[in-house]
Amino acid sequence: MPQITAKYASVLPKGNAISDVDEYFAKRLEDLSGGKFKAEIYWTRALGKADEMLTLIEAGAIDFTMLETGQYSETQFAGVTNALPMVFFDAGQVVDTAKKVLATDAVQKELSMIGGRVQLVRPSPGYYLLCKEPIRTLSDFKGKKLRTYGAYVPLMWEALGAVPVNVASNELYEALDKGIIDCAYLPPSFLAAFKLHEVAKNLIDYSFGMIELAPIVTPTAVWDSWSPEVQAIVRQAASEAETWGMEHIQQNAADSVQTMISGGAQLVAIEDPQAVADAIPDMIDIWVKKQEGAGKGAEAAEVASVIRAATGS
C-alpha cells in the first residue's frame, strides 16, 4: 500500500480520555499498516472550529474529524444519540445503540447528503453537576444557574426549576469563579481536566446520563479514494479503538472523581433521586415532536423505535 499521511481534526485539546481514543486509533492505523498510514492529529480546533467541521467534510478537506452531529440541522437523526440527556446509562449500550441508529434509512440519507462516513463512535461518561453549593433535593434545583448547551439540556434544567445558562466548556472556570453559573455540567473527566473543583467543591452524585460523543467521520470522497486494503485497516483500527475506548473512558471518569475529591471536592448525594428523574420529561418524546414539527415525523418514529428497543425505555 502507498504511504498515507492523513489530516485528523479534533476540536478537543490533547490529554483527556476522549482524545486518548483518537491517539489510540491513530496508533493502530500506523501499526496495522506497518507504518504506512499515519494520521496527524490537529488538536484544539487547529483546522477549524466545531461548527466548521461539516464544511470540511463536505469539501473533502480533511481525512478524519470529530463531528458534533447533534449540533447540525443536517444531521439531526445521526446526532440524536449525541444530543439527548437522560437516555443512556451504560457505555456499551451507547455504542450499540449509536451503531443501530447509524444503520437506519434516515441517518444513511443524512450521511449521503453531507458526504460523510462514520468510522467510530465513543461513549461519554455520565454527565454530572459540579456546584458552588450543595444540591440535595429536587427543590434545591430551583433558581440555580446551570451550565447548558444544545437544544435539549436546557429543557431538562427548566423542568427541574433551574435556569439554563449557555457557557462554552473552556469558559466554565471563569463562569463559576465570577458567579455567572452556580454549577458546571460535564463528565468528570472534563470537570477535573479543567480544574473546576478549584472553584466549585460540590460534585453532585447523580448521573444525568451518557451520550454518544461526536463520532469520527471521514469524507466519503476520501474513503472512496482508499484501496480495499486501506479501508480494511481503517475498519479494524476503528473497531479496536471503540472497544478500548469504552473501558478507558469509564475508568478515567472514576479516576477523575477521585482527583477532584483529593483536591478538596466532596460528593453530595441526592436524597430524592426518583423525584428528580420523574420531574424530567421523556427526552425521546420531545425529540420526536420536534422532528414532527419539521415534517420528519415518520423518520423520527423509526429512529426513536430503534433507541427504545435498544434501551428498553
Protein backbone atom coordinates (compact mmCIF):
# COMPACT_ATOMS: atom_id res chain seq x y z
CA MET A 1 0.00 0.00 0.00
CA PRO A 2 1.18 3.58 -0.58
CA GLN A 3 2.35 5.92 2.16
CA ILE A 4 -0.63 7.89 3.54
CA THR A 5 -0.47 10.92 5.82
CA ALA A 6 -3.98 11.77 6.93
CA LYS A 7 -5.24 15.03 8.44
CA TYR A 8 -7.18 14.35 11.64
CA ALA A 9 -9.08 17.34 13.06
CA SER A 10 -10.14 17.45 16.70
CA VAL A 11 -12.00 20.24 18.47
CA LEU A 12 -10.60 18.97 21.79
CA PRO A 13 -7.21 19.53 23.38
CA LYS A 14 -4.78 16.67 23.82
CA GLY A 15 -4.58 15.00 27.20
CA ASN A 16 -8.10 13.83 28.10
CA ALA A 17 -9.87 10.48 27.95
CA ILE A 18 -11.69 11.25 24.69
CA SER A 19 -8.55 12.49 22.94
CA ASP A 20 -6.76 9.37 24.19
CA VAL A 21 -9.10 7.34 21.96
CA ASP A 22 -8.15 9.48 18.96
CA GLU A 23 -4.48 8.79 19.68
CA TYR A 24 -5.13 5.06 20.13
CA PHE A 25 -6.97 4.96 16.80
CA ALA A 26 -4.13 6.80 15.06
CA LYS A 27 -1.54 4.46 16.56
CA ARG A 28 -3.47 1.36 15.47
CA LEU A 29 -3.70 2.77 11.93
CA GLU A 30 0.06 3.10 11.88
CA ASP A 31 0.71 -0.29 13.49
CA LEU A 32 -1.70 -2.24 11.29
CA SER A 33 -0.29 -0.64 8.14
CA GLY A 34 3.33 -1.31 9.05
CA GLY A 35 3.95 2.40 9.41
CA LYS A 36 2.49 3.36 6.04
CA PHE A 37 -0.73 5.01 7.31
CA LYS A 38 -0.01 7.93 9.60
CA ALA A 39 -2.75 10.17 10.97
CA GLU A 40 -1.54 13.59 12.10
CA ILE A 41 -3.95 14.89 14.74
CA TYR A 42 -4.53 18.64 14.85
CA TRP A 43 -5.78 19.44 18.34
CA THR A 44 -7.91 22.24 19.77
CA ARG A 45 -9.61 23.48 16.59
CA ALA A 46 -6.29 23.94 14.75
CA LEU A 47 -8.01 23.07 11.44
CA GLY A 48 -11.28 24.83 12.21
CA LYS A 49 -13.91 25.47 14.83
CA ALA A 50 -16.50 22.86 15.78
CA ASP A 51 -19.17 24.46 13.58
CA GLU A 52 -16.80 24.37 10.59
CA MET A 53 -16.20 20.63 10.58
CA LEU A 54 -19.24 19.84 8.44
CA THR A 55 -17.99 22.20 5.75
CA LEU A 56 -14.60 20.49 5.80
CA ILE A 57 -16.26 17.10 5.38
CA GLU A 58 -18.42 18.30 2.50
CA ALA A 59 -15.30 19.74 0.84
CA GLY A 60 -13.24 16.60 1.45
CA ALA A 61 -10.63 18.88 3.03
CA ILE A 62 -9.72 16.56 5.92
CA ASP A 63 -9.46 12.79 6.34
CA PHE A 64 -10.91 12.37 9.83
CA THR A 65 -12.78 14.76 12.07
CA MET A 66 -14.80 14.82 15.25
CA LEU A 67 -18.25 15.88 14.04
CA GLU A 68 -20.74 17.13 16.63
CA THR A 69 -23.70 15.69 14.78
CA GLY A 70 -26.22 16.80 17.39
CA GLN A 71 -25.43 20.46 16.70
CA TYR A 72 -26.24 20.49 12.96
CA SER A 73 -29.66 20.64 11.32
CA GLU A 74 -28.23 18.48 8.52
CA THR A 75 -27.55 15.60 10.94
CA GLN A 76 -30.48 15.70 13.37
CA PHE A 77 -31.07 11.96 13.04
CA ALA A 78 -27.41 10.98 13.14
CA GLY A 79 -26.99 13.26 16.15
CA VAL A 80 -29.87 12.08 18.31
CA THR A 81 -27.62 9.85 20.44
CA ASN A 82 -25.25 12.82 20.81
CA ALA A 83 -27.94 15.31 21.84
CA LEU A 84 -30.27 13.78 24.44
CA PRO A 85 -29.62 13.61 28.19
CA MET A 86 -31.25 11.04 30.49
CA VAL A 87 -31.47 8.31 27.86
CA PHE A 88 -28.30 6.20 28.15
CA PHE A 89 -26.67 4.97 31.34
CA ASP A 90 -24.30 2.25 30.08
CA ALA A 91 -21.27 2.68 27.81
CA GLY A 92 -21.85 -0.50 25.81
CA GLN A 93 -25.47 0.46 25.34
CA VAL A 94 -24.44 3.86 23.98
CA VAL A 95 -22.14 2.36 21.34
CA ASP A 96 -24.56 -0.41 20.39
CA THR A 97 -27.49 1.99 20.04
CA ALA A 98 -25.46 4.54 18.09
CA LYS A 99 -24.47 1.88 15.56
CA LYS A 100 -28.10 0.76 15.17
CA VAL A 101 -29.22 4.36 14.69
CA LEU A 102 -26.48 4.89 12.10
CA ALA A 103 -27.85 1.95 10.13
CA THR A 104 -31.35 3.45 9.79
CA ASP A 105 -32.53 4.80 6.44
CA ALA A 106 -32.95 8.29 7.89
CA VAL A 107 -29.33 8.50 9.04
CA GLN A 108 -27.92 6.89 5.92
CA LYS A 109 -29.72 9.55 3.89
CA GLU A 110 -28.19 12.30 6.01
CA LEU A 111 -24.70 10.87 5.69
CA SER A 112 -25.15 10.60 1.95
CA MET A 113 -26.23 14.24 1.78
CA ILE A 114 -23.21 15.53 3.69
CA GLY A 115 -20.82 13.10 2.02
CA GLY A 116 -19.57 11.50 5.22
CA ARG A 117 -18.87 8.06 6.63
CA VAL A 118 -18.79 7.41 10.39
CA GLN A 119 -15.67 5.47 11.34
CA LEU A 120 -16.04 5.08 15.10
CA VAL A 121 -18.27 6.14 17.96
CA ARG A 122 -17.38 6.74 21.61
CA PRO A 123 -19.48 6.99 24.75
CA SER A 124 -19.13 9.83 27.17
CA PRO A 125 -19.02 9.03 30.85
CA GLY A 126 -22.12 10.13 32.70
CA TYR A 127 -22.73 13.89 32.90
CA TYR A 128 -22.65 15.37 36.40
CA LEU A 129 -23.04 18.73 38.10
CA LEU A 130 -20.17 20.36 39.99
CA CYS A 131 -21.63 23.17 42.07
CA LYS A 132 -20.67 26.07 44.30
CA GLU A 133 -23.32 24.99 46.82
CA PRO A 134 -24.74 21.52 47.54
CA ILE A 135 -27.84 20.27 45.74
CA ARG A 136 -29.53 17.55 47.76
CA THR A 137 -33.22 17.64 46.83
CA LEU A 138 -35.44 18.48 43.88
CA SER A 139 -36.31 21.81 45.49
CA ASP A 140 -32.62 22.75 45.63
CA PHE A 141 -32.54 22.99 41.83
CA LYS A 142 -34.98 25.91 41.85
CA GLY A 143 -33.35 29.09 40.62
CA LYS A 144 -29.88 27.57 40.27
CA LYS A 145 -27.94 28.76 37.21
CA LEU A 146 -26.78 25.59 35.49
CA ARG A 147 -24.43 25.34 32.54
CA THR A 148 -26.19 24.15 29.42
CA TYR A 149 -25.68 23.58 25.71
CA GLY A 150 -27.71 22.46 22.70
CA ALA A 151 -31.48 22.25 22.39
CA TYR A 152 -32.39 19.59 24.97
CA VAL A 153 -30.31 20.09 28.11
CA PRO A 154 -32.00 23.50 28.71
CA LEU A 155 -35.39 21.76 28.73
CA MET A 156 -34.18 19.37 31.39
CA TRP A 157 -32.97 22.20 33.64
CA GLU A 158 -36.18 24.16 33.16
CA ALA A 159 -38.20 21.09 34.15
CA LEU A 160 -36.22 20.99 37.41
CA GLY A 161 -36.86 24.69 38.05
CA ALA A 162 -33.29 25.72 37.27
CA VAL A 163 -32.03 28.47 34.95
CA PRO A 164 -30.09 27.26 31.87
CA VAL A 165 -27.02 29.35 31.02
CA ASN A 166 -25.03 28.70 27.83
CA VAL A 167 -21.31 28.62 28.60
CA ALA A 168 -18.56 27.10 26.47
CA SER A 169 -16.60 24.40 28.26
CA ASN A 170 -13.33 26.38 28.11
CA GLU A 171 -15.07 29.32 29.86
CA LEU A 172 -16.50 27.35 32.78
CA TYR A 173 -13.73 28.11 35.28
CA GLU A 174 -14.25 31.86 34.98
CA ALA A 175 -18.05 31.49 34.87
CA LEU A 176 -18.03 29.58 38.17
CA ASP A 177 -15.47 31.86 39.74
CA LYS A 178 -17.46 35.00 38.90
CA GLY A 179 -20.87 33.55 39.76
CA ILE A 180 -22.18 33.59 36.20
CA ILE A 181 -23.26 30.00 36.85
CA ASP A 182 -23.80 28.02 40.04
CA CYS A 183 -22.95 24.63 38.55
CA ALA A 184 -20.86 23.24 35.70
CA TYR A 185 -22.32 20.36 33.70
CA LEU A 186 -19.81 17.94 32.17
CA PRO A 187 -18.46 14.41 32.60
CA PRO A 188 -15.99 14.06 35.50
CA SER A 189 -13.07 13.68 33.07
CA PHE A 190 -13.59 17.24 31.85
CA LEU A 191 -14.59 18.70 35.21
CA ALA A 192 -11.24 17.53 36.56
CA ALA A 193 -9.22 18.38 33.44
CA PHE A 194 -10.47 21.99 33.56
CA LYS A 195 -9.67 22.05 37.32
CA LEU A 196 -13.18 23.25 38.07
CA HIS A 197 -13.03 21.71 41.54
CA GLU A 198 -10.75 24.61 42.47
CA VAL A 199 -13.74 26.98 42.30
CA ALA A 200 -16.68 24.62 42.97
CA LYS A 201 -16.42 21.96 45.67
CA ASN A 202 -19.70 20.04 45.45
CA LEU A 203 -19.85 17.13 43.00
CA ILE A 204 -23.49 16.09 42.85
CA ASP A 205 -23.60 12.29 42.89
CA TYR A 206 -26.32 11.92 40.27
CA SER A 207 -25.76 10.97 36.63
CA PHE A 208 -27.85 12.75 34.02
CA GLY A 209 -26.91 10.06 31.52
CA MET A 210 -24.27 9.38 28.93
CA ILE A 211 -24.26 10.48 25.32
CA GLU A 212 -22.55 9.24 22.22
CA LEU A 213 -19.78 11.77 21.78
CA ALA A 214 -19.17 13.39 18.43
CA PRO A 215 -18.26 10.50 16.11
CA ILE A 216 -15.14 10.36 13.97
CA VAL A 217 -16.17 10.93 10.35
CA THR A 218 -14.31 10.57 7.05
CA PRO A 219 -15.48 12.34 3.86
CA THR A 220 -16.97 9.80 1.50
CA ALA A 221 -14.75 11.10 -1.31
CA VAL A 222 -11.67 10.36 0.80
CA TRP A 223 -12.95 6.92 1.79
CA ASP A 224 -13.65 6.00 -1.82
CA SER A 225 -10.12 7.06 -2.80
CA TRP A 226 -8.59 4.48 -0.45
CA SER A 227 -7.94 0.94 -1.62
CA PRO A 228 -9.83 -2.02 -0.13
CA GLU A 229 -6.66 -2.84 1.83
CA VAL A 230 -6.56 0.62 3.40
CA GLN A 231 -10.29 0.57 4.12
CA ALA A 232 -9.91 -2.77 5.92
CA ILE A 233 -7.13 -1.33 8.09
CA VAL A 234 -9.28 1.69 8.99
CA ARG A 235 -12.24 -0.53 9.90
CA GLN A 236 -10.09 -2.78 12.11
CA ALA A 237 -8.37 0.14 13.83
CA ALA A 238 -11.74 1.79 14.47
CA SER A 239 -13.23 -1.39 15.93
CA GLU A 240 -10.27 -1.83 18.26
CA ALA A 241 -10.40 1.84 19.29
CA GLU A 242 -14.11 1.56 20.13
CA THR A 243 -13.53 -1.45 22.37
CA TRP A 244 -10.51 0.10 24.08
CA GLY A 245 -12.21 3.47 24.41
CA MET A 246 -15.29 2.18 26.24
CA GLU A 247 -13.19 0.83 29.12
CA HIS A 248 -10.65 3.66 29.13
CA ILE A 249 -13.22 6.45 29.18
CA GLN A 250 -15.14 4.96 32.09
CA GLN A 251 -12.00 4.24 34.11
CA ASN A 252 -10.77 7.77 33.50
CA ALA A 253 -14.09 9.16 34.76
CA ALA A 254 -13.76 7.19 38.00
CA ASP A 255 -10.17 8.34 38.41
CA SER A 256 -11.24 11.94 37.77
CA VAL A 257 -13.81 11.80 40.56
CA GLN A 258 -11.05 10.74 42.95
CA THR A 259 -8.80 13.52 41.63
CA MET A 260 -11.45 16.10 42.46
CA ILE A 261 -12.08 14.63 45.91
CA SER A 262 -8.35 14.65 46.61
CA GLY A 263 -8.38 18.29 45.51
CA GLY A 264 -10.97 19.23 48.12
CA ALA A 265 -14.29 18.44 46.44
CA GLN A 266 -16.98 16.41 48.19
CA LEU A 267 -19.59 14.02 46.82
CA VAL A 268 -23.11 15.22 47.56
CA ALA A 269 -25.90 12.62 47.43
CA ILE A 270 -29.33 13.43 46.04
CA GLU A 271 -31.82 12.48 48.76
CA ASP A 272 -34.77 12.02 46.39
CA PRO A 273 -33.27 10.71 43.11
CA GLN A 274 -36.57 9.30 41.86
CA ALA A 275 -38.28 12.68 42.30
CA VAL A 276 -35.56 14.26 40.15
CA ALA A 277 -35.92 11.57 37.47
CA ASP A 278 -39.72 11.89 37.49
CA ALA A 279 -39.52 15.65 37.03
CA ILE A 280 -37.51 15.34 33.82
CA PRO A 281 -39.65 14.79 30.71
CA ASP A 282 -39.11 11.95 28.26
CA MET A 283 -36.38 13.35 26.05
CA ILE A 284 -37.04 10.93 23.20
CA ASP A 285 -40.66 12.10 23.03
CA ILE A 286 -39.54 15.74 22.97
CA TRP A 287 -37.08 14.99 20.17
CA VAL A 288 -39.74 13.16 18.12
CA LYS A 289 -42.21 16.04 18.49
CA LYS A 290 -39.57 18.50 17.34
CA GLN A 291 -38.93 16.42 14.23
CA GLU A 292 -42.67 16.14 13.61
CA GLY A 293 -42.82 19.92 13.63
CA ALA A 294 -40.18 19.92 10.90
CA GLY A 295 -42.21 17.46 8.81
CA LYS A 296 -39.98 14.49 9.60
CA GLY A 297 -42.24 12.54 11.92
CA ALA A 298 -42.05 9.20 10.12
CA GLU A 299 -38.25 9.18 10.08
CA ALA A 300 -38.14 10.26 13.72
CA ALA A 301 -40.51 7.47 14.73
CA GLU A 302 -38.22 4.93 13.03
CA VAL A 303 -35.14 6.22 14.84
CA ALA A 304 -36.96 6.52 18.18
CA SER A 305 -38.17 2.95 17.97
CA VAL A 306 -34.58 1.78 17.47
CA ILE A 307 -33.46 3.69 20.57
CA ARG A 308 -36.33 2.46 22.70
CA ALA A 309 -35.77 -1.14 21.63
CA ALA A 310 -32.06 -0.90 22.39
CA THR A 311 -32.52 0.79 25.78
CA GLY A 312 -35.76 -0.86 26.93
CA SER A 313 -37.28 2.58 27.51
